[in-house]
Protein backbone atom coordinates (compact mmCIF):
# COMPACT_ATOMS: atom_id res chain seq x y z
CA MET A 1 197.50 53.35 206.56
CA LYS A 2 199.56 55.86 208.58
CA TYR A 3 199.72 58.15 205.54
CA PHE A 4 195.95 57.87 205.08
CA ASN A 5 195.27 58.65 208.73
CA THR A 6 197.54 61.71 208.64
CA THR A 7 195.98 63.01 205.42
CA ALA A 8 192.42 62.39 206.59
CA ARG A 9 193.12 64.09 209.89
CA PHE A 10 194.55 67.12 208.09
CA LEU A 11 191.48 67.41 205.84
CA LEU A 12 189.09 67.15 208.78
CA ILE A 13 190.97 69.85 210.68
CA LEU A 14 191.07 72.11 207.62
CA ILE A 15 187.33 71.71 206.97
CA SER A 16 186.59 72.45 210.63
CA VAL A 17 188.70 75.59 210.59
CA CYS A 18 187.13 76.84 207.37
CA CYS A 19 183.66 76.44 208.85
CA PHE A 20 184.43 78.82 211.69
CA SER A 21 186.91 81.24 210.12
CA SER A 22 187.97 82.56 206.75
CA CYS A 23 190.06 80.12 204.70
CA LYS A 24 191.83 83.21 203.31
CA ASP A 25 193.41 83.70 206.70
CA ASN A 26 196.77 82.04 206.11
CA GLU A 27 197.97 83.39 209.46
CA GLY A 28 195.62 81.13 211.44
CA VAL A 29 196.73 78.09 213.44
CA ILE A 30 195.17 74.89 212.12
CA PHE A 31 196.80 72.73 214.79
CA SER A 32 194.75 71.85 217.86
CA ILE A 33 196.17 72.39 221.34
CA GLN A 34 196.69 68.64 221.62
CA ASP A 35 198.68 68.73 218.38
CA ASP A 36 200.81 71.51 219.87
CA ILE A 37 201.47 69.29 222.85
CA SER A 38 202.28 66.22 220.72
CA LEU A 39 204.59 68.20 218.41
CA GLY A 40 206.32 69.76 221.41
CA GLN A 41 206.92 66.35 222.98
CA GLN A 42 208.52 65.05 219.79
CA VAL A 43 210.69 68.15 219.37
CA ALA A 44 211.75 68.20 223.03
CA HIS A 45 212.76 64.54 222.83
CA GLU A 46 214.91 65.30 219.77
CA VAL A 47 216.49 68.38 221.36
CA ASP A 48 217.22 66.42 224.54
CA SER A 49 218.80 63.57 222.57
CA THR A 50 220.95 65.92 220.49
CA TYR A 51 222.39 67.86 223.42
CA ARG A 52 222.66 64.78 225.61
CA ALA A 53 224.86 63.17 222.94
CA LYS A 54 227.05 66.29 222.98
CA GLY A 55 227.26 66.21 226.76
CA GLN A 56 225.67 69.68 226.93
CA LEU A 57 222.25 68.90 228.41
CA LEU A 58 222.32 69.43 232.16
CA GLU A 59 219.91 66.76 233.31
CA ARG A 60 217.63 67.27 236.28
CA THR A 61 218.62 63.76 237.33
CA ASN A 62 222.28 64.81 237.47
CA SER A 63 223.78 63.83 240.83
CA SER A 64 225.81 67.06 241.01
CA ALA A 65 224.71 69.22 243.92
CA ASN A 66 225.52 72.33 241.89
CA VAL A 67 223.26 71.29 239.01
CA GLN A 68 220.45 70.53 241.44
CA LYS A 69 220.94 73.91 243.08
CA ALA A 70 220.94 75.64 239.69
CA TYR A 71 217.56 74.11 238.82
CA THR A 72 216.13 75.10 242.19
CA HIS A 73 216.88 78.76 241.49
CA LEU A 74 215.91 78.59 237.81
CA ASP A 75 212.56 77.01 238.69
CA ARG A 76 211.82 79.82 241.13
CA ILE A 77 212.32 82.41 238.40
CA VAL A 78 210.31 80.51 235.78
CA ASN A 79 207.47 79.69 238.17
CA ARG A 80 207.04 83.33 239.14
CA VAL A 81 206.38 84.07 235.49
CA LEU A 82 204.17 81.03 234.91
CA ASN A 83 202.07 81.73 237.98
CA SER A 84 200.98 84.98 236.38
CA ALA A 85 197.25 84.80 235.66
CA GLU A 86 198.03 86.03 232.14
CA VAL A 87 199.52 82.71 230.94
CA LYS A 88 196.62 81.18 228.99
CA TYR A 89 197.84 77.58 228.68
CA LYS A 90 199.45 77.44 232.10
CA ASN A 91 197.76 74.13 232.92
CA GLU A 92 197.75 72.57 229.44
CA PHE A 93 201.38 72.94 228.35
CA ALA A 94 204.39 71.21 229.89
CA TRP A 95 206.45 74.28 230.89
CA ASP A 96 209.44 72.18 231.87
CA VAL A 97 212.72 74.09 231.74
CA LYS A 98 216.14 72.64 230.86
CA ILE A 99 219.65 74.06 230.76
CA ILE A 100 221.97 73.61 227.78
CA ASN A 101 225.60 74.13 228.70
CA ASP A 102 226.96 76.26 225.86
CA PRO A 103 228.66 79.40 227.23
CA GLU A 104 228.96 80.89 223.73
CA MET A 105 225.29 80.59 222.77
CA LEU A 106 223.19 83.61 223.71
CA ASN A 107 219.75 82.11 223.40
CA ALA A 108 216.63 80.69 225.01
CA PHE A 109 213.65 79.15 223.27
CA ALA A 110 210.34 77.43 223.93
CA THR A 111 208.90 74.68 221.75
CA PRO A 112 205.22 74.30 220.90
CA GLY A 113 203.60 72.87 223.99
CA GLY A 114 205.88 74.83 226.32
CA HIS A 115 209.19 72.99 226.70
CA ILE A 116 211.70 75.70 227.64
CA TYR A 117 215.45 75.63 227.00
CA VAL A 118 218.00 78.13 228.31
CA TYR A 119 221.64 78.30 227.26
CA THR A 120 224.33 79.08 229.82
CA GLY A 121 225.61 81.72 227.38
CA LEU A 122 222.48 83.78 228.03
CA MET A 123 222.93 83.52 231.79
CA LYS A 124 226.57 84.50 231.46
CA PHE A 125 225.64 87.49 229.29
CA LEU A 126 223.07 88.94 231.71
CA GLU A 127 223.54 90.37 235.20
CA ASP A 128 220.02 91.40 236.24
CA GLU A 129 217.31 88.92 237.24
CA ASP A 130 214.55 91.18 235.88
CA HIS A 131 216.20 91.09 232.45
CA PHE A 132 216.60 87.31 232.54
CA ALA A 133 212.97 86.91 233.61
CA GLY A 134 212.01 89.21 230.74
CA VAL A 135 213.70 86.93 228.20
CA LEU A 136 211.98 83.87 229.68
CA ALA A 137 208.63 85.68 229.64
CA HIS A 138 209.18 86.61 225.99
CA GLU A 139 209.92 82.99 225.00
CA ILE A 140 207.03 81.65 227.08
CA ALA A 141 204.78 84.12 225.24
CA HIS A 142 205.87 82.70 221.87
CA ALA A 143 204.60 79.26 222.98
CA ASP A 144 201.54 80.51 224.88
CA LYS A 145 200.44 82.69 221.94
CA ARG A 146 201.21 79.76 219.61
CA HIS A 147 203.66 81.77 217.52
CA SER A 148 206.04 78.82 217.28
CA VAL A 149 203.55 76.42 215.72
CA ARG A 150 202.15 79.17 213.46
CA GLN A 151 205.60 79.92 212.07
CA LEU A 152 206.44 76.23 211.69
CA GLN A 153 203.13 75.78 209.89
CA ARG A 154 204.25 78.41 207.37
CA ASP A 155 207.76 76.99 207.05
CA TYR A 156 206.90 73.29 206.73
CA GLY A 157 203.19 72.95 205.99
CA ILE A 158 200.49 71.39 208.13
CA SER A 159 200.80 67.85 206.71
CA ILE A 160 204.51 67.65 207.57
CA LEU A 161 203.91 69.02 211.06
CA LEU A 162 201.16 66.49 211.66
CA SER A 163 203.44 63.68 210.53
CA VAL A 164 206.09 64.94 212.97
CA ALA A 165 203.53 65.19 215.79
CA LEU A 166 202.53 61.59 215.10
CA GLY A 167 206.17 60.47 215.15
CA ASN A 168 206.23 59.53 211.45
CA ASN A 169 208.81 61.96 210.05
CA PRO A 170 212.20 61.77 211.82
CA GLY A 171 213.96 63.78 209.10
CA ALA A 172 211.68 66.79 209.46
CA LEU A 173 211.77 66.40 213.25
CA LYS A 174 215.55 66.82 213.32
CA GLN A 175 215.36 69.90 211.13
CA ILE A 176 212.60 71.52 213.20
CA ALA A 177 214.44 70.81 216.46
CA ALA A 178 217.65 72.34 215.07
CA GLN A 179 215.75 75.38 213.80
CA LEU A 180 214.06 76.03 217.14
CA ALA A 181 217.34 75.62 218.98
CA GLY A 182 218.96 78.22 216.76
CA THR A 183 221.65 75.89 215.42
CA LEU A 184 220.36 76.39 211.87
CA THR A 185 218.79 79.65 210.71
CA GLY A 186 216.63 79.97 213.82
CA LEU A 187 212.88 80.48 213.86
CA ARG A 188 212.23 83.85 212.25
CA PHE A 189 209.03 85.20 213.73
CA SER A 190 207.13 88.00 212.06
CA ARG A 191 207.52 91.53 213.39
CA GLU A 192 203.94 91.28 214.69
CA ALA A 193 204.72 88.09 216.62
CA GLU A 194 207.87 89.59 218.15
CA THR A 195 205.95 92.71 219.19
CA GLU A 196 203.17 90.61 220.72
CA ALA A 197 205.73 88.53 222.64
CA ASP A 198 207.37 91.75 223.91
CA ASN A 199 204.02 93.19 224.96
CA THR A 200 202.95 89.93 226.56
CA SER A 201 206.19 89.79 228.56
CA VAL A 202 205.08 93.05 230.19
CA LEU A 203 201.78 91.42 231.20
CA TYR A 204 203.47 88.28 232.50
CA LEU A 205 206.08 90.12 234.55
CA GLY A 206 203.53 92.62 235.84
CA GLY A 207 201.39 89.70 236.95
CA THR A 208 204.21 88.33 239.09
CA GLN A 209 204.01 91.35 241.44
CA TYR A 210 207.74 90.75 241.82
CA TYR A 211 209.71 91.53 238.66
CA ALA A 212 209.93 94.88 236.88
CA CYS A 213 207.31 94.53 234.17
CA ASP A 214 209.64 96.13 231.60
CA GLY A 215 212.41 93.62 232.37
CA ALA A 216 212.74 92.54 228.75
CA ALA A 217 213.70 96.11 227.82
CA GLY A 218 216.85 95.82 229.92
CA PHE A 219 217.87 92.76 227.96
CA PHE A 220 217.49 94.60 224.66
CA VAL A 221 219.44 97.60 225.97
CA LYS A 222 222.36 95.29 226.78
CA LEU A 223 221.91 93.40 223.54
CA ASN A 224 221.96 96.63 221.56
CA SER A 225 225.21 97.74 223.15
CA GLN A 226 226.73 94.35 222.33
CA ALA A 227 225.48 94.64 218.75
CA GLN A 228 227.73 97.65 218.23
CA SER A 229 230.79 95.51 218.92
CA SER A 230 232.79 93.56 216.35
CA ASN A 231 231.25 90.33 217.63
CA PRO A 232 227.46 90.78 217.71
CA PRO A 233 225.42 88.01 219.43
CA GLU A 234 224.04 85.14 217.36
CA PHE A 235 220.63 86.05 218.80
CA LEU A 236 220.47 89.05 216.45
CA SER A 237 220.50 86.79 213.39
CA THR A 238 217.03 85.47 214.26
CA HIS A 239 215.45 88.46 216.01
CA PRO A 240 214.67 91.97 214.79
CA ASN A 241 216.94 94.89 215.62
CA PRO A 242 216.35 95.91 219.27
CA ASP A 243 216.45 99.69 218.66
CA ASN A 244 212.69 100.33 218.81
CA ARG A 245 211.76 97.42 221.06
CA VAL A 246 213.05 99.05 224.24
CA GLN A 247 210.85 102.09 223.70
CA ASN A 248 207.82 99.92 222.90
CA ILE A 249 208.22 97.78 226.03
CA GLN A 250 208.65 100.83 228.25
CA GLN A 251 205.58 102.45 226.69
CA GLN A 252 203.57 99.28 227.37
CA ALA A 253 204.69 99.34 231.00
CA GLN A 254 203.72 102.99 231.34
CA GLN A 255 200.30 102.45 229.76
CA LYS A 256 199.54 99.50 232.02
CA GLY A 257 200.81 101.29 235.12
CA CYS A 258 202.69 98.20 236.32
CA SER A 259 205.69 98.34 238.61
CA THR A 260 209.13 98.85 237.09
CA ALA A 261 210.94 98.54 240.43
CA SER A 262 213.83 96.08 240.23
CA ALA A 263 213.53 92.77 242.02
CA PRO A 264 216.42 91.27 244.02
CA ASP A 265 218.93 89.34 241.93
CA THR A 266 219.25 86.60 244.54
CA ASP A 267 218.03 83.61 242.53
CA PHE A 268 219.82 84.65 239.35
CA ASN A 269 223.09 85.24 241.16
CA GLU A 270 222.85 81.85 242.88
CA LEU A 271 221.95 80.22 239.57
CA LYS A 272 225.05 81.62 237.90
CA LYS A 273 227.21 80.80 240.89
CA SER A 274 226.05 77.18 240.82
CA LEU A 275 227.10 76.93 237.17
CA ASN A 276 230.35 78.87 237.58
CA LEU A 277 229.20 81.58 235.18
């Protein structure tokens, strides 16, 4: 019966999509927003369980004053980005942010439905709050523009994703969670999706009226310098080469006329201090 319900639901969604758009468009998202939310909840639960078992998930319920302080400052940064009028699903998606304590992992990611994860390795790597906010804005854009579910749709197929969203496929769930977290091959977005996330980060940061709207460019400048070393970041294995992305982001900022003045690093510095980074 569960298999029948999943299959029937898939066919109904597919027919609906084909009525309103070309069925030749394999780039389209067949999932509904509610399916995004359900899939994200399943994936977030799996990610939480995995890193909790490793002792690497810094829980918001942690009694440590330093962990509580870290979340206070992280929330301020994230909320400035989310309060931008440009975030389409600001009220629909979860947008909860969690810290994974892995000082060697240079990464952040957002699941479908807007569950955000940030590794301490990324915080340790960066020094500027604008650049950190730029990375968060970029990852939020992937969820808000539904890049994550679109790519997963290509990688796994709609029927498998629906079964995961319904809680009926624990094997695929574990694989998807590991892929999003970057512990497998990572989620390899198309060049178009990466460019859209870069461009959207400019809109998000510009909308804050606080951060430099080209903040993500600073991250890629630093990343590019690190890439020339003998130990390039793991991040580069799942993201395109940063060479041309800096120029594109700066051009977007110039075209939109948004402020590129640096914001204070107060919250980011306090965040790192709380975590001894």
